[in-house]
Every structure is written in structure tokens, then in C-alpha cells.
Amino acid sequence: MRYKVHRFPLKMTKDEKRLEEFLNNLRGEVISITPNVAPVLFSLHAHVDFLLIVEKIA
């Protein structure tokens, strides 16, 4: 089996439609979606910089 890892930069409040289109255009099976959660300095908040999407290619 072969796998491909995609790095998908996003802003959680704006890119819902773009992410949906990206996922629907993949040819293989999506194995996992892993968010990169980065803390915001001097705050108790965090935000997602990008997603790593693992696709299984036939």
C-alpha cells in the first residue's frame, strides 16, 4: 500500500468550503486528519495552523 501526506493550511473560521472541496477531490481513501495545534503566546488559547491529511493510494 502507498500513502500520501497532504499539508493543508487553513483558518478554521474561513476555509470550511475549501477543505470540503479538497477532501472531495482526493482519489484515495482518507486514513487520518491530524490538526497542528499551536498555542497563542501569553494566552490560554490555541489555534490550528494546518492539517496533515493522510491518503491511502491504491
N, C-alpha and C. Protein backbone atom coordinates (compact mmCIF):
# COMPACT_ATOMS: atom_id res chain seq x y z
N MET A 1 0.83 -1.18 0.00
CA MET A 1 0.00 0.00 0.00
C MET A 1 0.88 1.25 0.00
N ARG A 2 0.38 2.26 -0.66
CA ARG A 2 1.10 3.54 -0.72
C ARG A 2 0.25 4.60 -0.05
N TYR A 3 0.93 5.54 0.57
CA TYR A 3 0.25 6.63 1.27
C TYR A 3 0.82 7.96 0.80
N LYS A 4 0.01 8.98 0.83
CA LYS A 4 0.46 10.32 0.53
C LYS A 4 -0.02 11.24 1.65
N VAL A 5 0.86 12.11 2.12
CA VAL A 5 0.52 13.05 3.18
C VAL A 5 0.40 14.44 2.56
N HIS A 6 -0.74 15.08 2.79
CA HIS A 6 -1.01 16.42 2.29
C HIS A 6 -0.95 17.39 3.46
N ARG A 7 -0.35 18.54 3.24
CA ARG A 7 -0.34 19.62 4.25
C ARG A 7 -1.35 20.66 3.77
N PHE A 8 -2.37 20.91 4.58
CA PHE A 8 -3.46 21.80 4.19
C PHE A 8 -3.51 22.99 5.14
N PRO A 9 -2.96 24.14 4.75
CA PRO A 9 -3.02 25.33 5.62
C PRO A 9 -4.45 25.86 5.66
N LEU A 10 -4.88 26.35 6.83
CA LEU A 10 -6.24 26.84 6.91
C LEU A 10 -6.45 27.81 8.06
N LYS A 11 -7.52 28.55 7.94
CA LYS A 11 -8.07 29.36 9.03
C LYS A 11 -9.42 28.73 9.32
N MET A 12 -9.61 28.27 10.54
CA MET A 12 -10.79 27.50 10.88
C MET A 12 -12.09 28.24 10.61
N THR A 13 -12.10 29.54 10.69
CA THR A 13 -13.34 30.28 10.52
C THR A 13 -13.67 30.57 9.06
N LYS A 14 -12.70 30.38 8.14
CA LYS A 14 -12.91 30.80 6.76
C LYS A 14 -12.85 29.67 5.73
N ASP A 15 -12.18 28.58 6.02
CA ASP A 15 -11.81 27.62 4.99
C ASP A 15 -12.63 26.33 4.99
N GLU A 16 -13.81 26.34 5.55
CA GLU A 16 -14.63 25.13 5.59
C GLU A 16 -14.96 24.63 4.18
N LYS A 17 -15.38 25.51 3.31
CA LYS A 17 -15.75 25.13 1.94
C LYS A 17 -14.53 24.64 1.16
N ARG A 18 -13.40 25.32 1.33
CA ARG A 18 -12.17 24.92 0.62
C ARG A 18 -11.71 23.54 1.07
N LEU A 19 -11.82 23.25 2.38
CA LEU A 19 -11.45 21.93 2.90
C LEU A 19 -12.40 20.86 2.35
N GLU A 20 -13.68 21.16 2.31
CA GLU A 20 -14.65 20.21 1.77
C GLU A 20 -14.34 19.87 0.31
N GLU A 21 -14.03 20.88 -0.49
CA GLU A 21 -13.70 20.65 -1.89
C GLU A 21 -12.42 19.83 -2.03
N PHE A 22 -11.41 20.14 -1.19
CA PHE A 22 -10.15 19.39 -1.24
C PHE A 22 -10.39 17.91 -0.93
N LEU A 23 -11.15 17.63 0.13
CA LEU A 23 -11.39 16.24 0.52
C LEU A 23 -12.20 15.50 -0.54
N ASN A 24 -13.17 16.16 -1.13
CA ASN A 24 -14.00 15.52 -2.15
C ASN A 24 -13.22 15.26 -3.45
N ASN A 25 -12.12 15.96 -3.68
CA ASN A 25 -11.33 15.76 -4.88
C ASN A 25 -10.21 14.75 -4.72
N LEU A 26 -10.01 14.22 -3.53
CA LEU A 26 -8.99 13.19 -3.34
C LEU A 26 -9.44 11.90 -4.01
N ARG A 27 -8.50 11.19 -4.60
CA ARG A 27 -8.83 9.95 -5.30
C ARG A 27 -8.79 8.74 -4.38
N GLY A 28 -7.94 8.78 -3.39
CA GLY A 28 -7.78 7.64 -2.50
C GLY A 28 -8.67 7.75 -1.27
N GLU A 29 -8.42 6.87 -0.32
CA GLU A 29 -9.18 6.83 0.93
C GLU A 29 -8.47 7.68 1.98
N VAL A 30 -9.21 8.53 2.68
CA VAL A 30 -8.63 9.34 3.75
C VAL A 30 -8.45 8.45 4.98
N ILE A 31 -7.21 8.33 5.43
CA ILE A 31 -6.89 7.49 6.59
C ILE A 31 -6.97 8.30 7.87
N SER A 32 -6.43 9.51 7.87
CA SER A 32 -6.49 10.34 9.07
C SER A 32 -6.35 11.82 8.71
N ILE A 33 -6.88 12.64 9.61
CA ILE A 33 -6.72 14.09 9.53
C ILE A 33 -6.20 14.53 10.90
N THR A 34 -5.00 15.11 10.90
CA THR A 34 -4.35 15.50 12.14
C THR A 34 -4.12 17.00 12.15
N PRO A 35 -4.72 17.71 13.10
CA PRO A 35 -4.51 19.16 13.18
C PRO A 35 -3.20 19.49 13.88
N ASN A 36 -2.54 20.54 13.42
CA ASN A 36 -1.37 21.08 14.13
C ASN A 36 -1.87 22.23 14.99
N VAL A 37 -1.96 21.98 16.29
CA VAL A 37 -2.49 22.97 17.22
C VAL A 37 -1.33 23.74 17.83
N ALA A 38 -1.33 25.06 17.63
CA ALA A 38 -0.25 25.92 18.12
C ALA A 38 -0.79 26.83 19.22
N PRO A 39 -0.09 26.91 20.33
CA PRO A 39 -0.54 27.82 21.39
C PRO A 39 -0.33 29.28 20.99
N VAL A 40 -1.16 30.13 21.51
CA VAL A 40 -1.02 31.57 21.30
C VAL A 40 -0.23 32.11 22.50
N LEU A 41 0.84 32.85 22.22
CA LEU A 41 1.70 33.34 23.30
C LEU A 41 0.93 34.22 24.28
N PHE A 42 1.24 34.06 25.53
CA PHE A 42 0.66 34.85 26.62
C PHE A 42 -0.86 34.74 26.67
N SER A 43 -1.37 33.58 26.35
CA SER A 43 -2.82 33.38 26.34
C SER A 43 -3.12 31.92 26.65
N LEU A 44 -4.34 31.66 27.03
CA LEU A 44 -4.77 30.28 27.27
C LEU A 44 -5.41 29.68 26.02
N HIS A 45 -5.34 30.38 24.93
CA HIS A 45 -5.95 29.93 23.68
C HIS A 45 -4.94 29.21 22.80
N ALA A 46 -5.47 28.51 21.82
CA ALA A 46 -4.64 27.85 20.80
C ALA A 46 -5.39 27.95 19.47
N HIS A 47 -4.66 27.76 18.39
CA HIS A 47 -5.30 27.76 17.08
C HIS A 47 -4.67 26.70 16.19
N VAL A 48 -5.39 26.32 15.16
CA VAL A 48 -4.91 25.31 14.21
C VAL A 48 -4.25 26.01 13.04
N ASP A 49 -2.98 25.70 12.81
CA ASP A 49 -2.22 26.29 11.70
C ASP A 49 -2.50 25.57 10.38
N PHE A 50 -2.46 24.24 10.45
CA PHE A 50 -2.66 23.43 9.25
C PHE A 50 -3.12 22.04 9.65
N LEU A 51 -3.57 21.30 8.65
CA LEU A 51 -3.97 19.91 8.83
C LEU A 51 -3.02 19.02 8.05
N LEU A 52 -2.69 17.87 8.61
CA LEU A 52 -1.99 16.83 7.85
C LEU A 52 -3.03 15.77 7.50
N ILE A 53 -3.21 15.54 6.22
CA ILE A 53 -4.22 14.61 5.74
C ILE A 53 -3.50 13.44 5.09
N VAL A 54 -3.72 12.22 5.62
CA VAL A 54 -3.08 11.02 5.09
C VAL A 54 -4.07 10.32 4.17
N GLU A 55 -3.63 10.11 2.93
CA GLU A 55 -4.47 9.48 1.92
C GLU A 55 -3.84 8.15 1.51
N LYS A 56 -4.65 7.09 1.48
CA LYS A 56 -4.19 5.78 1.02
C LYS A 56 -4.45 5.69 -0.47
N ILE A 57 -3.39 5.44 -1.23
CA ILE A 57 -3.48 5.39 -2.69
C ILE A 57 -3.46 3.93 -3.13
N ALA A 58 -4.37 3.58 -4.00
CA ALA A 58 -4.49 2.20 -4.47
C ALA A 58 -3.31 1.77 -5.30
